[in-house]
Amino acid sequence: MKLQDIEKKLGYTVVTLPDVDVEITDAYTSDLLSDVMGNAPEDSVLITIQGHKNSIAVASLIGMQAIILCNKRSAPEDMVDAAISESIAIFTTSDSQFIASCKIGTLLNS
């Protein structure tokens, strides 16, 4: 799936979107950043409620392409700045992490 599918097919709100044609091959759902560092795959999207710049640092370290902030969480300014600097997309949604994970899984498997 492409990054743009998260907005176009799911209707999630774009906060940052450096490259709409980036390919996403997997997803990982977690709020524990040490778990994400140890287990999340490259070229994936992180589904979380952790809206802070440390999430961007972890995503960048792994080579993740995007973060979806669930449960109506917003991205603070320092997180947005870090995401722009690291070319990582951020989306927000009112969906729970479970629902977002199911929706992303469906997109990945279609």
C-alpha atoms as a PDB file:
ATOM      1  CA  MET A   1       0.000   0.000   0.000  1.00  0.00           C
ATOM      2  CA  LYS A   2       1.052   3.591  -0.497  1.00  0.00           C
ATOM      3  CA  LEU A   3       1.147   6.254   2.206  1.00  0.00           C
ATOM      4  CA  GLN A   4      -1.557   8.206   0.410  1.00  0.00           C
ATOM      5  CA  ASP A   5      -3.951   5.257   0.896  1.00  0.00           C
ATOM      6  CA  ILE A   6      -4.099   6.029   4.621  1.00  0.00           C
ATOM      7  CA  GLU A   7      -5.684   9.372   3.847  1.00  0.00           C
ATOM      8  CA  LYS A   8      -7.612   8.513   0.691  1.00  0.00           C
ATOM      9  CA  LYS A   9      -9.035   5.126   1.659  1.00  0.00           C
ATOM     10  CA  LEU A  10      -9.312   5.480   5.436  1.00  0.00           C
ATOM     11  CA  GLY A  11      -9.961   9.209   5.726  1.00  0.00           C
ATOM     12  CA  TYR A  12      -7.299   9.720   8.382  1.00  0.00           C
ATOM     13  CA  THR A  13      -6.140  13.297   8.873  1.00  0.00           C
ATOM     14  CA  VAL A  14      -2.746  14.197   7.439  1.00  0.00           C
ATOM     15  CA  VAL A  15      -0.406  16.089   9.750  1.00  0.00           C
ATOM     16  CA  THR A  16       2.755  15.533   7.689  1.00  0.00           C
ATOM     17  CA  LEU A  17       3.085  13.673   4.393  1.00  0.00           C
ATOM     18  CA  PRO A  18       6.538  14.005   2.863  1.00  0.00           C
ATOM     19  CA  ASP A  19       6.031  11.569  -0.050  1.00  0.00           C
ATOM     20  CA  VAL A  20       2.645  10.128  -0.989  1.00  0.00           C
ATOM     21  CA  ASP A  21       4.164   7.341  -3.113  1.00  0.00           C
ATOM     22  CA  VAL A  22       6.171   5.701  -0.321  1.00  0.00           C
ATOM     23  CA  GLU A  23       5.384   2.001  -0.113  1.00  0.00           C
ATOM     24  CA  ILE A  24       4.264   0.571   3.233  1.00  0.00           C
ATOM     25  CA  THR A  25       4.850  -3.153   3.626  1.00  0.00           C
ATOM     26  CA  ASP A  26       3.832  -3.787   7.238  1.00  0.00           C
ATOM     27  CA  ALA A  27       2.444  -2.240  10.409  1.00  0.00           C
ATOM     28  CA  TYR A  28       3.175  -2.399  14.118  1.00  0.00           C
ATOM     29  CA  THR A  29       0.895  -1.471  17.015  1.00  0.00           C
ATOM     30  CA  SER A  30       2.455  -0.561  20.337  1.00  0.00           C
ATOM     31  CA  ASP A  31       2.739   2.220  22.901  1.00  0.00           C
ATOM     32  CA  LEU A  32       5.981   0.968  24.400  1.00  0.00           C
ATOM     33  CA  LEU A  33       8.784   2.523  22.361  1.00  0.00           C
ATOM     34  CA  SER A  34      11.383  -0.030  23.496  1.00  0.00           C
ATOM     35  CA  ASP A  35       9.049  -2.734  22.140  1.00  0.00           C
ATOM     36  CA  VAL A  36       8.769  -0.853  18.859  1.00  0.00           C
ATOM     37  CA  MET A  37      12.578  -0.544  18.633  1.00  0.00           C
ATOM     38  CA  GLY A  38      13.026  -4.261  19.164  1.00  0.00           C
ATOM     39  CA  ASN A  39      10.249  -5.607  16.989  1.00  0.00           C
ATOM     40  CA  ALA A  40       8.821  -3.212  14.414  1.00  0.00           C
ATOM     41  CA  PRO A  41       9.742  -3.873  10.779  1.00  0.00           C
ATOM     42  CA  GLU A  42      11.287  -1.398   8.379  1.00  0.00           C
ATOM     43  CA  ASP A  43       8.982   0.354   5.874  1.00  0.00           C
ATOM     44  CA  SER A  44       6.050   0.003   8.221  1.00  0.00           C
ATOM     45  CA  VAL A  45       3.557   2.269   9.924  1.00  0.00           C
ATOM     46  CA  LEU A  46       3.403   2.632  13.703  1.00  0.00           C
ATOM     47  CA  ILE A  47      -0.095   2.613  15.206  1.00  0.00           C
ATOM     48  CA  THR A  48       0.046   4.237  18.640  1.00  0.00           C
ATOM     49  CA  ILE A  49      -1.193   6.885  21.051  1.00  0.00           C
ATOM     50  CA  GLN A  50       2.349   8.109  21.810  1.00  0.00           C
ATOM     51  CA  GLY A  51       2.215  11.632  20.416  1.00  0.00           C
ATOM     52  CA  HIS A  52       5.669  13.004  21.132  1.00  0.00           C
ATOM     53  CA  LYS A  53       8.963  13.494  19.335  1.00  0.00           C
ATOM     54  CA  ASN A  54      10.500  10.328  20.820  1.00  0.00           C
ATOM     55  CA  SER A  55       8.101   8.359  18.610  1.00  0.00           C
ATOM     56  CA  ILE A  56       9.677  10.049  15.592  1.00  0.00           C
ATOM     57  CA  ALA A  57      13.185   9.214  16.813  1.00  0.00           C
ATOM     58  CA  VAL A  58      12.270   5.540  17.173  1.00  0.00           C
ATOM     59  CA  ALA A  59      10.514   5.447  13.801  1.00  0.00           C
ATOM     60  CA  SER A  60      13.530   7.039  12.146  1.00  0.00           C
ATOM     61  CA  LEU A  61      15.939   4.594  13.795  1.00  0.00           C
ATOM     62  CA  ILE A  62      13.970   1.631  12.455  1.00  0.00           C
ATOM     63  CA  GLY A  63      13.161   3.052   9.032  1.00  0.00           C
ATOM     64  CA  MET A  64       9.419   3.297   9.605  1.00  0.00           C
ATOM     65  CA  GLN A  65       7.575   5.505   7.150  1.00  0.00           C
ATOM     66  CA  ALA A  66       4.589   6.755   9.146  1.00  0.00           C
ATOM     67  CA  ILE A  67       2.895   7.072  12.506  1.00  0.00           C
ATOM     68  CA  ILE A  68      -0.851   6.928  13.075  1.00  0.00           C
ATOM     69  CA  LEU A  69      -1.952   8.632  16.277  1.00  0.00           C
ATOM     70  CA  CYS A  70      -5.192   7.063  17.519  1.00  0.00           C
ATOM     71  CA  ASN A  71      -7.960   8.013  19.949  1.00  0.00           C
ATOM     72  CA  LYS A  72      -8.071  11.660  18.810  1.00  0.00           C
ATOM     73  CA  ARG A  73      -4.484  12.268  19.933  1.00  0.00           C
ATOM     74  CA  SER A  74      -2.773  15.220  18.320  1.00  0.00           C
ATOM     75  CA  ALA A  75       0.831  15.732  17.342  1.00  0.00           C
ATOM     76  CA  PRO A  76       2.600  18.496  19.282  1.00  0.00           C
ATOM     77  CA  GLU A  77       4.674  21.013  17.374  1.00  0.00           C
ATOM     78  CA  ASP A  78       8.041  19.458  18.276  1.00  0.00           C
ATOM     79  CA  MET A  79       6.810  16.082  17.002  1.00  0.00           C
ATOM     80  CA  VAL A  80       5.656  17.634  13.731  1.00  0.00           C
ATOM     81  CA  ASP A  81       9.001  19.426  13.316  1.00  0.00           C
ATOM     82  CA  ALA A  82      10.903  16.190  13.947  1.00  0.00           C
ATOM     83  CA  ALA A  83       8.685  14.291  11.490  1.00  0.00           C
ATOM     84  CA  ILE A  84       9.298  16.869   8.774  1.00  0.00           C
ATOM     85  CA  SER A  85      13.029  16.727   9.437  1.00  0.00           C
ATOM     86  CA  GLU A  86      13.059  12.909   9.250  1.00  0.00           C
ATOM     87  CA  SER A  87      10.544  12.633   6.355  1.00  0.00           C
ATOM     88  CA  ILE A  88       8.074  10.604   8.405  1.00  0.00           C
ATOM     89  CA  ALA A  89       4.348  10.927   7.797  1.00  0.00           C
ATOM     90  CA  ILE A  90       1.961  11.520  10.683  1.00  0.00           C
ATOM     91  CA  PHE A  91      -1.763  10.817  10.555  1.00  0.00           C
ATOM     92  CA  THR A  92      -4.403  11.237  13.245  1.00  0.00           C
ATOM     93  CA  THR A  93      -7.689   9.419  13.741  1.00  0.00           C
ATOM     94  CA  SER A  94     -10.460   9.022  16.251  1.00  0.00           C
ATOM     95  CA  ASP A  95     -10.246   5.253  15.704  1.00  0.00           C
ATOM     96  CA  SER A  96      -8.939   3.077  18.526  1.00  0.00           C
ATOM     97  CA  GLN A  97      -5.652   1.289  17.991  1.00  0.00           C
ATOM     98  CA  PHE A  98      -7.544  -1.955  17.428  1.00  0.00           C
ATOM     99  CA  ILE A  99      -9.766  -0.480  14.715  1.00  0.00           C
ATOM    100  CA  ALA A 100      -6.842   1.330  13.073  1.00  0.00           C
ATOM    101  CA  SER A 101      -4.806  -1.893  13.117  1.00  0.00           C
ATOM    102  CA  CYS A 102      -7.662  -3.808  11.485  1.00  0.00           C
ATOM    103  CA  LYS A 103      -8.104  -1.150   8.807  1.00  0.00           C
ATOM    104  CA  ILE A 104      -4.389  -0.971   8.027  1.00  0.00           C
ATOM    105  CA  GLY A 105      -4.212  -4.776   7.953  1.00  0.00           C
ATOM    106  CA  THR A 106      -7.045  -4.857   5.439  1.00  0.00           C
ATOM    107  CA  LEU A 107      -5.256  -2.309   3.229  1.00  0.00           C
ATOM    108  CA  LEU A 108      -2.003  -4.242   3.427  1.00  0.00           C
ATOM    109  CA  ASN A 109      -3.728  -7.481   2.436  1.00  0.00           C
ATOM    110  CA  SER A 110      -5.760  -6.067  -0.442  1.00  0.00           C
END
